[in-house]
């Protein structure tokens, strides 16, 4: 049948009917194999052939679920970094932003961060994949940064005009720049403080003011 997920996979058809993997079970086997490949070889070493061999399936089965290597890599990275992130609440905007930046810096400095940087370099020309990856990059995504900024507005530290996704996330974008374009293995804490004090806070506090 056309909707049978094992139809194009001779590996699955060769298994006894009771042992054939379908649907979510087969998908999870592929993702586990992709995660193992990422851990062993990084994104640079991730190939559909190697994942198929490790998962005991074929490339067509993988391509039916993920159209290319980058999409599979992002799905595997998501499996590797499943964690419930909660916005920090230090009682002040500066403390919250520094806490978010320091958490992102620790993550991107780790071996898993190496995988993330490889993915970011690969999907930079695909806005849809890039957006998916940013939401999974353990910097909290725009929603968490907006939450932090909303709290600051409620405390009177910022005006409502500051509640814009590009404003909210400018600090973490600058941190990403240190890793991606400068190739830094980790970013010194004084650079994080500089991003917050010299760029982020002046930008937020300047929203809604009239020049001159």
N, C-alpha and C. Protein backbone atom coordinates (compact mmCIF):
# COMPACT_ATOMS: atom_id res chain seq x y z
N UNK A 1 0.84 -1.19 0.00
CA UNK A 1 0.00 0.00 0.00
C UNK A 1 0.87 1.25 0.00
N UNK A 2 0.39 2.33 -0.62
CA UNK A 2 1.20 3.52 -0.79
C UNK A 2 1.55 4.17 0.54
N UNK A 3 0.68 3.99 1.54
CA UNK A 3 0.94 4.65 2.82
C UNK A 3 1.66 3.74 3.80
N UNK A 4 2.10 2.60 3.37
CA UNK A 4 2.86 1.70 4.24
C UNK A 4 4.27 2.22 4.37
N UNK A 5 4.75 2.63 5.55
CA UNK A 5 6.06 3.23 5.71
C UNK A 5 7.20 2.27 5.46
N UNK A 6 6.94 0.97 5.30
CA UNK A 6 8.02 0.02 5.02
C UNK A 6 8.03 -0.39 3.56
N UNK A 7 7.12 0.20 2.74
CA UNK A 7 6.98 -0.27 1.37
C UNK A 7 8.26 -0.13 0.58
N UNK A 8 8.99 0.99 0.75
CA UNK A 8 10.19 1.23 -0.06
C UNK A 8 11.45 0.76 0.66
N UNK A 9 11.33 0.01 1.72
CA UNK A 9 12.47 -0.40 2.52
C UNK A 9 12.61 -1.91 2.52
N UNK A 10 13.46 -2.45 1.63
CA UNK A 10 13.64 -3.90 1.59
C UNK A 10 14.19 -4.46 2.89
N UNK A 11 14.93 -3.63 3.64
CA UNK A 11 15.46 -4.10 4.93
C UNK A 11 14.32 -4.45 5.86
N UNK A 12 13.30 -3.58 5.90
CA UNK A 12 12.15 -3.86 6.76
C UNK A 12 11.31 -5.01 6.22
N UNK A 13 11.17 -5.10 4.91
CA UNK A 13 10.36 -6.18 4.34
C UNK A 13 10.99 -7.54 4.59
N UNK A 14 12.32 -7.55 4.74
CA UNK A 14 13.00 -8.83 4.96
C UNK A 14 12.88 -9.31 6.40
N UNK A 15 12.45 -8.44 7.29
CA UNK A 15 12.28 -8.84 8.68
C UNK A 15 11.00 -9.66 8.83
N UNK A 16 10.95 -10.52 9.84
CA UNK A 16 9.67 -11.19 10.14
C UNK A 16 8.61 -10.14 10.42
N UNK A 17 7.38 -10.42 10.04
CA UNK A 17 6.30 -9.45 10.19
C UNK A 17 6.21 -8.91 11.62
N UNK A 18 6.46 -9.76 12.61
CA UNK A 18 6.34 -9.33 14.01
C UNK A 18 7.46 -8.39 14.43
N UNK A 19 8.56 -8.34 13.65
CA UNK A 19 9.71 -7.53 14.02
C UNK A 19 9.84 -6.26 13.18
N UNK A 20 8.95 -6.09 12.21
CA UNK A 20 9.05 -4.91 11.35
C UNK A 20 8.74 -3.64 12.13
N UNK A 21 9.52 -2.63 11.86
CA UNK A 21 9.34 -1.34 12.52
C UNK A 21 8.56 -0.41 11.61
N UNK A 22 7.58 0.24 12.17
CA UNK A 22 6.77 1.15 11.39
C UNK A 22 6.58 2.46 12.16
N UNK A 23 6.17 3.48 11.44
CA UNK A 23 5.77 4.73 12.06
C UNK A 23 6.79 5.29 13.04
N UNK A 24 6.31 5.59 14.24
CA UNK A 24 7.14 6.25 15.25
C UNK A 24 8.32 5.37 15.65
N UNK A 25 8.12 4.06 15.71
CA UNK A 25 9.21 3.15 16.11
C UNK A 25 10.37 3.23 15.13
N UNK A 26 10.06 3.21 13.84
CA UNK A 26 11.11 3.30 12.83
C UNK A 26 11.75 4.69 12.85
N UNK A 27 10.95 5.70 12.99
CA UNK A 27 11.47 7.07 13.03
C UNK A 27 12.42 7.26 14.20
N UNK A 28 12.07 6.75 15.37
CA UNK A 28 12.94 6.89 16.53
C UNK A 28 14.25 6.12 16.35
N UNK A 29 14.20 4.99 15.67
CA UNK A 29 15.43 4.23 15.41
C UNK A 29 16.37 5.05 14.52
N UNK A 30 15.79 5.72 13.53
CA UNK A 30 16.61 6.56 12.65
C UNK A 30 17.20 7.74 13.42
N UNK A 31 16.38 8.38 14.26
CA UNK A 31 16.88 9.52 15.03
C UNK A 31 17.96 9.11 16.02
N UNK A 32 17.79 7.95 16.64
CA UNK A 32 18.85 7.47 17.57
C UNK A 32 20.15 7.26 16.81
N UNK A 33 20.04 6.70 15.61
CA UNK A 33 21.24 6.48 14.80
C UNK A 33 21.88 7.82 14.41
N UNK A 34 21.06 8.79 14.06
CA UNK A 34 21.59 10.11 13.69
C UNK A 34 22.25 10.79 14.88
N UNK A 35 21.64 10.67 16.06
CA UNK A 35 22.24 11.24 17.27
C UNK A 35 23.60 10.61 17.53
N UNK A 36 23.70 9.30 17.42
CA UNK A 36 24.97 8.61 17.63
C UNK A 36 26.02 9.08 16.63
N UNK A 37 25.62 9.29 15.39
CA UNK A 37 26.56 9.77 14.38
C UNK A 37 27.03 11.19 14.70
N UNK A 38 26.11 12.03 15.16
CA UNK A 38 26.50 13.39 15.52
C UNK A 38 27.50 13.38 16.66
N UNK A 39 27.26 12.55 17.66
CA UNK A 39 28.15 12.48 18.81
C UNK A 39 29.53 11.97 18.40
N UNK A 40 29.56 10.97 17.53
CA UNK A 40 30.83 10.35 17.13
C UNK A 40 31.60 11.20 16.12
N UNK A 41 30.89 11.79 15.15
CA UNK A 41 31.58 12.41 14.01
C UNK A 41 31.25 13.87 13.80
N UNK A 42 30.32 14.43 14.61
CA UNK A 42 29.90 15.81 14.38
C UNK A 42 29.02 15.92 13.15
N UNK A 43 28.55 17.13 12.91
CA UNK A 43 27.67 17.30 11.75
C UNK A 43 28.42 17.07 10.45
N UNK A 44 29.72 17.41 10.44
CA UNK A 44 30.51 17.24 9.23
C UNK A 44 30.55 15.78 8.78
N UNK A 45 30.50 14.84 9.75
CA UNK A 45 30.57 13.42 9.41
C UNK A 45 29.22 12.76 9.25
N UNK A 46 28.15 13.52 9.41
CA UNK A 46 26.81 12.95 9.30
C UNK A 46 26.45 12.74 7.84
N UNK A 47 26.12 11.51 7.46
CA UNK A 47 25.65 11.22 6.11
C UNK A 47 24.42 10.33 6.19
N UNK A 48 23.58 10.42 5.17
CA UNK A 48 22.40 9.57 5.12
C UNK A 48 22.81 8.10 5.07
N UNK A 49 23.89 7.80 4.35
CA UNK A 49 24.35 6.40 4.23
C UNK A 49 24.73 5.82 5.58
N UNK A 50 25.49 6.59 6.35
CA UNK A 50 25.93 6.08 7.66
C UNK A 50 24.77 5.92 8.62
N UNK A 51 23.83 6.87 8.59
CA UNK A 51 22.66 6.78 9.46
C UNK A 51 21.82 5.57 9.07
N UNK A 52 21.62 5.37 7.78
CA UNK A 52 20.82 4.24 7.31
C UNK A 52 21.44 2.92 7.75
N UNK A 53 22.75 2.82 7.61
CA UNK A 53 23.44 1.58 8.00
C UNK A 53 23.30 1.33 9.49
N UNK A 54 23.50 2.38 10.28
CA UNK A 54 23.42 2.24 11.73
C UNK A 54 22.00 1.90 12.19
N UNK A 55 21.01 2.48 11.51
CA UNK A 55 19.62 2.25 11.89
C UNK A 55 19.06 0.94 11.32
N UNK A 56 19.81 0.30 10.41
CA UNK A 56 19.32 -0.93 9.80
C UNK A 56 18.16 -0.69 8.85
N UNK A 57 18.28 0.42 8.08
CA UNK A 57 17.23 0.74 7.11
C UNK A 57 17.92 1.22 5.84
N UNK A 58 17.18 1.89 4.94
CA UNK A 58 17.82 2.40 3.74
C UNK A 58 17.59 3.89 3.61
N UNK A 59 18.32 4.50 2.67
CA UNK A 59 18.27 5.96 2.55
C UNK A 59 16.90 6.46 2.14
N UNK A 60 16.20 5.72 1.28
CA UNK A 60 14.88 6.18 0.83
C UNK A 60 13.92 6.37 2.01
N UNK A 61 14.01 5.46 2.96
CA UNK A 61 13.15 5.57 4.14
C UNK A 61 13.45 6.86 4.91
N UNK A 62 14.73 7.22 5.00
CA UNK A 62 15.10 8.45 5.70
C UNK A 62 14.64 9.67 4.92
N UNK A 63 14.86 9.65 3.59
CA UNK A 63 14.48 10.80 2.78
C UNK A 63 12.98 11.04 2.78
N UNK A 64 12.20 10.01 3.01
CA UNK A 64 10.75 10.20 3.07
C UNK A 64 10.35 11.03 4.28
N UNK A 65 11.18 11.04 5.30
CA UNK A 65 10.87 11.76 6.54
C UNK A 65 11.64 13.07 6.65
N UNK A 66 12.87 13.09 6.18
CA UNK A 66 13.71 14.29 6.22
C UNK A 66 14.31 14.49 4.83
N UNK A 67 14.01 15.62 4.19
CA UNK A 67 14.37 15.79 2.78
C UNK A 67 15.86 15.93 2.51
N UNK A 68 16.63 16.27 3.53
CA UNK A 68 18.07 16.44 3.32
C UNK A 68 18.83 16.24 4.63
N UNK A 69 20.13 16.26 4.52
CA UNK A 69 21.00 16.01 5.67
C UNK A 69 20.79 17.04 6.76
N UNK A 70 20.61 18.32 6.37
CA UNK A 70 20.44 19.38 7.36
C UNK A 70 19.18 19.17 8.18
N UNK A 71 18.08 18.81 7.52
CA UNK A 71 16.82 18.59 8.24
C UNK A 71 16.96 17.44 9.22
N UNK A 72 17.63 16.37 8.80
CA UNK A 72 17.87 15.23 9.70
C UNK A 72 18.77 15.65 10.85
N UNK A 73 19.80 16.43 10.54
CA UNK A 73 20.71 16.88 11.58
C UNK A 73 20.02 17.72 12.64
N UNK A 74 19.11 18.59 12.22
CA UNK A 74 18.37 19.43 13.17
C UNK A 74 17.46 18.57 14.03
N UNK A 75 16.79 17.59 13.41
CA UNK A 75 15.91 16.70 14.18
C UNK A 75 16.70 15.91 15.21
N UNK A 76 17.89 15.45 14.82
CA UNK A 76 18.73 14.70 15.75
C UNK A 76 19.26 15.60 16.86
N UNK A 77 19.64 16.82 16.49
CA UNK A 77 20.11 17.78 17.49
C UNK A 77 19.01 18.06 18.51
N UNK A 78 17.78 18.16 18.05
CA UNK A 78 16.66 18.39 18.95
C UNK A 78 16.54 17.24 19.96
N UNK A 79 16.73 16.00 19.48
CA UNK A 79 16.69 14.84 20.38
C UNK A 79 17.82 14.91 21.40
N UNK A 80 18.95 15.42 20.95
CA UNK A 80 20.15 15.46 21.80
C UNK A 80 20.05 16.52 22.88
N UNK A 81 19.23 17.54 22.66
CA UNK A 81 19.22 18.68 23.57
C UNK A 81 17.84 18.92 24.17
N UNK A 82 17.04 17.87 24.26
CA UNK A 82 15.70 18.04 24.84
C UNK A 82 15.85 18.48 26.29
N UNK A 83 15.38 19.67 26.57
CA UNK A 83 15.44 20.20 27.93
C UNK A 83 14.38 21.30 28.04
N UNK A 84 13.76 21.37 29.18
CA UNK A 84 12.75 22.41 29.39
C UNK A 84 13.44 23.66 29.91
N UNK A 85 13.50 24.67 29.06
CA UNK A 85 14.15 25.91 29.45
C UNK A 85 13.13 26.86 30.07
N UNK A 86 13.51 27.45 31.17
CA UNK A 86 12.66 28.44 31.82
C UNK A 86 13.41 29.76 31.89
N UNK A 87 12.72 30.84 31.62
CA UNK A 87 13.41 32.14 31.67
C UNK A 87 13.90 32.44 33.08
N UNK A 88 15.12 32.94 33.21
CA UNK A 88 15.62 33.30 34.55
C UNK A 88 14.80 34.46 35.11
N UNK A 89 14.79 34.59 36.42
CA UNK A 89 14.06 35.67 37.07
C UNK A 89 14.89 36.17 38.24
N UNK A 90 15.87 37.01 37.92
CA UNK A 90 16.77 37.54 38.95
C UNK A 90 16.20 38.79 39.61
N UNK A 91 15.10 39.31 39.08
CA UNK A 91 14.51 40.53 39.62
C UNK A 91 14.92 41.78 38.89
N UNK A 92 15.83 41.65 37.92
CA UNK A 92 16.24 42.81 37.12
C UNK A 92 16.60 42.35 35.72
N UNK A 93 16.42 43.24 34.74
CA UNK A 93 16.67 42.90 33.35
C UNK A 93 18.14 42.53 33.12
N UNK A 94 19.05 43.30 33.67
CA UNK A 94 20.47 43.04 33.45
C UNK A 94 20.84 41.63 33.93
N UNK A 95 20.40 41.26 35.11
CA UNK A 95 20.71 39.94 35.63
C UNK A 95 20.11 38.83 34.79
N UNK A 96 18.87 39.03 34.31
CA UNK A 96 18.22 38.02 33.49
C UNK A 96 18.95 37.82 32.16
N UNK A 97 19.33 38.92 31.54
CA UNK A 97 20.01 38.83 30.24
C UNK A 97 21.38 38.18 30.40
N UNK A 98 22.11 38.55 31.44
CA UNK A 98 23.41 37.91 31.68
C UNK A 98 23.25 36.41 31.95
N UNK A 99 22.22 36.03 32.69
CA UNK A 99 21.99 34.61 32.97
C UNK A 99 21.71 33.85 31.68
N UNK A 100 20.91 34.41 30.80
CA UNK A 100 20.62 33.75 29.52
C UNK A 100 21.89 33.64 28.66
N UNK A 101 22.66 34.72 28.60
CA UNK A 101 23.88 34.69 27.79
C UNK A 101 24.90 33.70 28.35
N UNK A 102 25.04 33.65 29.66
CA UNK A 102 26.00 32.72 30.25
C UNK A 102 25.59 31.28 30.02
N UNK A 103 24.28 30.99 30.08
CA UNK A 103 23.82 29.64 29.79
C UNK A 103 24.08 29.26 28.35
N UNK A 104 23.80 30.18 27.43
CA UNK A 104 24.05 29.91 26.01
C UNK A 104 25.55 29.74 25.75
N UNK A 105 26.37 30.53 26.42
CA UNK A 105 27.82 30.44 26.24
C UNK A 105 28.34 29.08 26.70
N UNK A 106 27.83 28.59 27.83
CA UNK A 106 28.25 27.27 28.31
C UNK A 106 27.85 26.19 27.33
N UNK A 107 26.62 26.29 26.81
CA UNK A 107 26.15 25.27 25.88
C UNK A 107 26.97 25.29 24.59
N UNK A 108 27.19 26.47 24.02
CA UNK A 108 27.89 26.56 22.74
C UNK A 108 29.38 26.25 22.88
N UNK A 109 29.90 26.30 24.10
CA UNK A 109 31.30 25.95 24.32
C UNK A 109 31.50 24.45 24.51
N UNK A 110 30.40 23.70 24.60
CA UNK A 110 30.47 22.26 24.86
C UNK A 110 30.60 21.47 23.55
N UNK A 111 30.87 20.17 23.62
CA UNK A 111 30.89 19.35 22.40
C UNK A 111 29.58 19.43 21.62
N UNK A 112 28.46 19.51 22.33
CA UNK A 112 27.18 19.66 21.64
C UNK A 112 27.13 21.00 20.91
N UNK A 113 27.79 22.00 21.47
CA UNK A 113 27.88 23.29 20.80
C UNK A 113 28.62 23.21 19.48
N UNK A 114 29.63 22.34 19.40
CA UNK A 114 30.33 22.14 18.13
C UNK A 114 29.36 21.64 17.05
N UNK A 115 28.47 20.74 17.45
CA UNK A 115 27.47 20.23 16.51
C UNK A 115 26.56 21.37 16.06
N UNK A 116 26.14 22.18 17.01
CA UNK A 116 25.27 23.31 16.69
C UNK A 116 25.95 24.26 15.71
N UNK A 117 27.23 24.56 15.92
CA UNK A 117 27.91 25.49 15.02
C UNK A 117 28.02 24.91 13.62
N UNK A 118 28.23 23.61 13.52
CA UNK A 118 28.27 22.98 12.21
C UNK A 118 26.93 23.09 11.50
N UNK A 119 25.86 22.89 12.26
CA UNK A 119 24.52 23.01 11.69
C UNK A 119 24.22 24.45 11.26
N UNK A 120 24.57 25.41 12.10
CA UNK A 120 24.32 26.81 11.77
C UNK A 120 25.04 27.22 10.49
N UNK A 121 26.26 26.74 10.33
CA UNK A 121 27.02 27.06 9.12
C UNK A 121 26.38 26.44 7.89
N UNK A 122 25.80 25.27 8.06
CA UNK A 122 25.24 24.54 6.93
C UNK A 122 23.90 25.09 6.46
N UNK A 123 23.05 25.53 7.40
CA UNK A 123 21.69 25.93 7.03
C UNK A 123 21.52 27.43 6.94
N UNK A 124 22.64 28.16 6.90
CA UNK A 124 22.55 29.61 6.88
C UNK A 124 21.79 30.18 5.71
N UNK A 125 21.71 29.44 4.59
CA UNK A 125 20.99 29.95 3.41
C UNK A 125 19.57 29.41 3.31
N UNK A 126 19.09 28.76 4.36
CA UNK A 126 17.73 28.23 4.37
C UNK A 126 16.99 28.85 5.57
N UNK A 127 16.24 29.92 5.35
CA UNK A 127 15.61 30.63 6.48
C UNK A 127 14.72 29.75 7.34
N UNK A 128 14.00 28.81 6.72
CA UNK A 128 13.09 27.96 7.50
C UNK A 128 13.86 27.05 8.44
N UNK A 129 14.90 26.39 7.92
CA UNK A 129 15.70 25.51 8.76
C UNK A 129 16.46 26.32 9.81
N UNK A 130 16.92 27.50 9.43
CA UNK A 130 17.66 28.33 10.37
C UNK A 130 16.77 28.75 11.54
N UNK A 131 15.52 29.10 11.24
CA UNK A 131 14.59 29.47 12.30
C UNK A 131 14.33 28.30 13.24
N UNK A 132 14.17 27.09 12.67
CA UNK A 132 13.97 25.90 13.50
C UNK A 132 15.17 25.68 14.42
N UNK A 133 16.35 25.84 13.86
CA UNK A 133 17.57 25.59 14.64
C UNK A 133 17.75 26.62 15.74
N UNK A 134 17.44 27.86 15.45
CA UNK A 134 17.56 28.90 16.48
C UNK A 134 16.64 28.62 17.65
N UNK A 135 15.46 28.09 17.38
CA UNK A 135 14.53 27.79 18.46
C UNK A 135 15.00 26.61 19.30
N UNK A 136 15.96 25.81 18.77
CA UNK A 136 16.45 24.65 19.50
C UNK A 136 17.87 24.83 20.01
N UNK A 137 18.40 26.05 19.92
CA UNK A 137 19.83 26.22 20.17
C UNK A 137 20.19 26.52 21.62
N UNK A 138 19.25 26.26 22.52
CA UNK A 138 19.50 26.41 23.97
C UNK A 138 19.87 27.83 24.37
N UNK A 139 19.44 28.82 23.56
CA UNK A 139 19.52 30.19 24.01
C UNK A 139 18.13 30.69 24.37
N UNK A 140 17.15 29.80 24.32
CA UNK A 140 15.80 30.14 24.72
C UNK A 140 14.89 30.58 23.59
N UNK A 141 15.46 30.93 22.42
CA UNK A 141 14.62 31.38 21.34
C UNK A 141 14.00 32.74 21.65
N UNK A 142 13.35 33.32 20.65
CA UNK A 142 12.80 34.66 20.81
C UNK A 142 11.72 34.71 21.88
N UNK A 143 10.95 33.61 22.05
CA UNK A 143 9.86 33.63 23.04
C UNK A 143 10.41 33.86 24.45
N UNK A 144 11.52 33.20 24.79
CA UNK A 144 12.06 33.36 26.13
C UNK A 144 12.64 34.76 26.33
N UNK A 145 13.30 35.28 25.31
CA UNK A 145 13.85 36.62 25.42
C UNK A 145 12.75 37.66 25.54
N UNK A 146 11.65 37.46 24.84
CA UNK A 146 10.52 38.38 24.96
C UNK A 146 9.89 38.28 26.35
N UNK A 147 9.86 37.08 26.92
CA UNK A 147 9.32 36.93 28.27
C UNK A 147 10.15 37.73 29.27
N UNK A 148 11.46 37.64 29.15
CA UNK A 148 12.36 38.40 30.03
C UNK A 148 12.11 39.90 29.87
N UNK A 149 11.93 40.33 28.62
CA UNK A 149 11.72 41.75 28.35
C UNK A 149 10.33 42.19 28.83
N UNK A 150 9.33 41.34 28.70
CA UNK A 150 7.99 41.66 29.21
C UNK A 150 8.01 41.88 30.72
N UNK A 151 8.78 41.05 31.42
CA UNK A 151 8.90 41.24 32.87
C UNK A 151 9.55 42.59 33.20
N UNK A 152 10.54 42.96 32.37
CA UNK A 152 11.21 44.24 32.59
C UNK A 152 10.24 45.39 32.37
N UNK A 153 9.37 45.27 31.37
CA UNK A 153 8.36 46.30 31.12
C UNK A 153 7.42 46.39 32.32
N UNK A 154 7.01 45.24 32.85
CA UNK A 154 6.10 45.23 34.00
C UNK A 154 6.75 45.86 35.23
N UNK A 155 8.07 45.73 35.36
CA UNK A 155 8.77 46.33 36.51
C UNK A 155 9.09 47.80 36.29
N UNK A 156 8.85 48.29 35.08
CA UNK A 156 9.16 49.68 34.77
C UNK A 156 10.59 49.91 34.31
N UNK A 157 11.32 48.82 33.99
CA UNK A 157 12.70 48.95 33.52
C UNK A 157 12.78 49.23 32.02
N UNK A 158 11.71 48.99 31.30
CA UNK A 158 11.69 49.19 29.86
C UNK A 158 10.28 49.63 29.46
N UNK A 159 10.19 50.23 28.29
CA UNK A 159 8.89 50.68 27.78
C UNK A 159 8.34 49.62 26.83
N UNK A 160 7.03 49.60 26.62
CA UNK A 160 6.45 48.58 25.73
C UNK A 160 7.02 48.59 24.32
N UNK A 161 7.52 49.74 23.84
CA UNK A 161 8.09 49.80 22.50
C UNK A 161 9.32 48.91 22.35
N UNK A 162 9.90 48.49 23.47
CA UNK A 162 11.06 47.60 23.41
C UNK A 162 10.68 46.17 23.07
N UNK A 163 9.39 45.84 23.16
CA UNK A 163 8.95 44.46 22.94
C UNK A 163 8.89 44.13 21.46
N UNK A 164 10.05 43.96 20.88
CA UNK A 164 10.19 43.59 19.47
C UNK A 164 11.17 42.43 19.41
N UNK A 165 10.87 41.37 18.63
CA UNK A 165 11.76 40.19 18.62
C UNK A 165 13.22 40.52 18.30
N UNK A 166 13.46 41.44 17.38
CA UNK A 166 14.85 41.75 17.03
C UNK A 166 15.55 42.48 18.18
N UNK A 167 14.82 43.31 18.87
CA UNK A 167 15.41 43.99 20.04
C UNK A 167 15.65 42.97 21.15
N UNK A 168 14.67 42.14 21.40
CA UNK A 168 14.76 41.18 22.50
C UNK A 168 15.95 40.24 22.35
N UNK A 169 16.26 39.84 21.11
CA UNK A 169 17.28 38.82 20.88
C UNK A 169 18.62 39.36 20.43
N UNK A 170 18.80 40.68 20.41
CA UNK A 170 20.04 41.21 19.86
C UNK A 170 21.27 40.75 20.65
N UNK A 171 21.13 40.56 21.95
CA UNK A 171 22.29 40.14 22.76
C UNK A 171 22.77 38.75 22.35
N UNK A 172 21.84 37.82 22.18
CA UNK A 172 22.25 36.47 21.84
C UNK A 172 22.72 36.38 20.39
N UNK A 173 22.20 37.24 19.53
CA UNK A 173 22.71 37.29 18.16
C UNK A 173 24.17 37.73 18.16
N UNK A 174 24.50 38.71 18.99
CA UNK A 174 25.90 39.15 19.08
C UNK A 174 26.78 38.04 19.66
N UNK A 175 26.24 37.27 20.60
CA UNK A 175 27.01 36.16 21.14
C UNK A 175 27.24 35.10 20.07
N UNK A 176 26.20 34.78 19.30
CA UNK A 176 26.36 33.82 18.19
C UNK A 176 27.45 34.29 17.23
N UNK A 177 27.48 35.58 17.00
CA UNK A 177 28.47 36.14 16.08
C UNK A 177 29.89 35.84 16.55
N UNK A 178 30.11 35.86 17.87
CA UNK A 178 31.43 35.55 18.41
C UNK A 178 31.84 34.12 18.06
N UNK A 179 30.87 33.21 18.10
CA UNK A 179 31.17 31.80 17.80
C UNK A 179 31.27 31.54 16.31
N UNK A 180 30.31 32.07 15.55
CA UNK A 180 30.20 31.69 14.14
C UNK A 180 31.21 32.43 13.27
N UNK A 181 31.32 33.73 13.41
CA UNK A 181 32.20 34.48 12.52
C UNK A 181 33.61 34.64 13.06
N UNK A 182 33.76 34.66 14.38
CA UNK A 182 35.09 34.80 14.96
C UNK A 182 35.73 33.46 15.29
N UNK A 183 34.91 32.41 15.32
CA UNK A 183 35.44 31.08 15.61
C UNK A 183 35.90 30.89 17.03
N UNK A 184 35.34 31.66 17.96
CA UNK A 184 35.75 31.55 19.36
C UNK A 184 35.30 30.22 19.95
N UNK A 185 36.20 29.49 20.66
CA UNK A 185 35.79 28.24 21.31
C UNK A 185 34.90 28.50 22.51
N UNK A 186 35.08 29.64 23.14
CA UNK A 186 34.21 30.11 24.22
C UNK A 186 34.38 31.63 24.28
N UNK A 187 33.42 32.30 24.88
CA UNK A 187 33.47 33.76 24.92
C UNK A 187 33.73 34.20 26.35
N UNK A 188 34.75 35.03 26.59
CA UNK A 188 35.05 35.48 27.96
C UNK A 188 33.86 36.21 28.57
N UNK A 189 33.74 36.10 29.87
CA UNK A 189 32.58 36.70 30.54
C UNK A 189 32.56 38.22 30.40
N UNK A 190 33.74 38.84 30.32
CA UNK A 190 33.74 40.30 30.19
C UNK A 190 33.14 40.74 28.87
N UNK A 191 33.20 39.88 27.85
CA UNK A 191 32.55 40.20 26.57
C UNK A 191 31.03 40.13 26.73
N UNK A 192 30.55 39.15 27.49
CA UNK A 192 29.11 39.06 27.74
C UNK A 192 28.62 40.30 28.48
N UNK A 193 29.38 40.73 29.47
CA UNK A 193 29.01 41.93 30.23
C UNK A 193 29.00 43.15 29.31
N UNK A 194 29.98 43.22 28.41
CA UNK A 194 30.04 44.34 27.47
C UNK A 194 28.84 44.35 26.54
N UNK A 195 28.44 43.17 26.04
CA UNK A 195 27.26 43.09 25.18
C UNK A 195 26.03 43.63 25.90
N UNK A 196 25.90 43.25 27.16
CA UNK A 196 24.72 43.68 27.93
C UNK A 196 24.78 45.18 28.23
N UNK A 197 25.91 45.64 28.76
CA UNK A 197 25.99 47.02 29.26
C UNK A 197 26.17 48.06 28.15
N UNK A 198 26.86 47.68 27.08
CA UNK A 198 27.17 48.67 26.04
C UNK A 198 26.21 48.62 24.85
N UNK A 199 25.51 47.52 24.69
CA UNK A 199 24.62 47.39 23.53
C UNK A 199 23.17 47.13 23.94
N UNK A 200 22.96 46.06 24.72
CA UNK A 200 21.58 45.63 24.96
C UNK A 200 20.79 46.63 25.80
N UNK A 201 21.30 46.96 26.96
CA UNK A 201 20.55 47.85 27.85
C UNK A 201 20.35 49.24 27.24
N UNK A 202 21.39 49.85 26.62
CA UNK A 202 21.14 51.15 25.97
C UNK A 202 20.10 51.06 24.85
N UNK A 203 20.09 49.96 24.10
CA UNK A 203 19.10 49.81 23.04
C UNK A 203 17.69 49.73 23.62
N UNK A 204 17.51 48.88 24.64
CA UNK A 204 16.20 48.71 25.26
C UNK A 204 15.72 50.02 25.88
N UNK A 205 16.59 50.69 26.59
CA UNK A 205 16.20 51.92 27.29
C UNK A 205 15.97 53.07 26.32
N UNK A 206 16.55 52.98 25.14
CA UNK A 206 16.39 54.05 24.16
C UNK A 206 15.14 53.93 23.32
N UNK A 207 14.46 52.78 23.39
CA UNK A 207 13.23 52.61 22.62
C UNK A 207 12.15 53.57 23.12
N UNK A 208 11.44 54.15 22.21
CA UNK A 208 10.34 55.02 22.58
C UNK A 208 10.73 56.45 22.86
N UNK A 209 12.05 56.74 22.79
CA UNK A 209 12.47 58.11 23.00
C UNK A 209 12.52 58.85 21.66
N UNK A 210 12.41 60.13 21.68
CA UNK A 210 12.42 60.94 20.47
C UNK A 210 13.81 61.55 20.30
N UNK A 211 14.50 61.29 19.15
CA UNK A 211 15.82 61.89 18.94
C UNK A 211 15.78 63.40 19.08
N UNK A 212 16.75 63.95 19.79
CA UNK A 212 16.85 65.40 19.93
C UNK A 212 15.90 65.95 20.94
